[in-house]
Amino acid sequence: MWEDPIVEEVRKVRDAHAARFNYDLREIYQALKKEEAESGRKFVTLSPKRIEMQEEIPAKRHCGGEALITTTGEYEKA
C-alpha cells in the first residue's frame, strides 16, 4: 500500500505531541487553552446554529427502515 510522506510526518508530530501529555486528552486541551491565553490573540467562539428539518424522512439507510428522523433531527421508532 502506498504511503504519503506528508501524512506520515503529520502523524509522527501528532503522536509526539500527544506523548508529551501521556495521551491524556484533558491535559492536551488544557495545554492548548493555556497557549491560547498566553498568545495575546483574541479567540472567538461562535454558538452552534440549529437547522430545523422541513419534514420527516425515513431512515432506511441508517436504521434498517425501523425509524424516522423527526423535524428535530431525532430518531424515533416507527
Foldseek 3Di string as FASTA:
>chain_A
DDDDPVVVVVVVVVVVLCVVVPVDPVSSVVVVVVCVVVVPDDDDDDDDDQDFDDAKDQPCPPPVRQWIQGRRRDTDGD
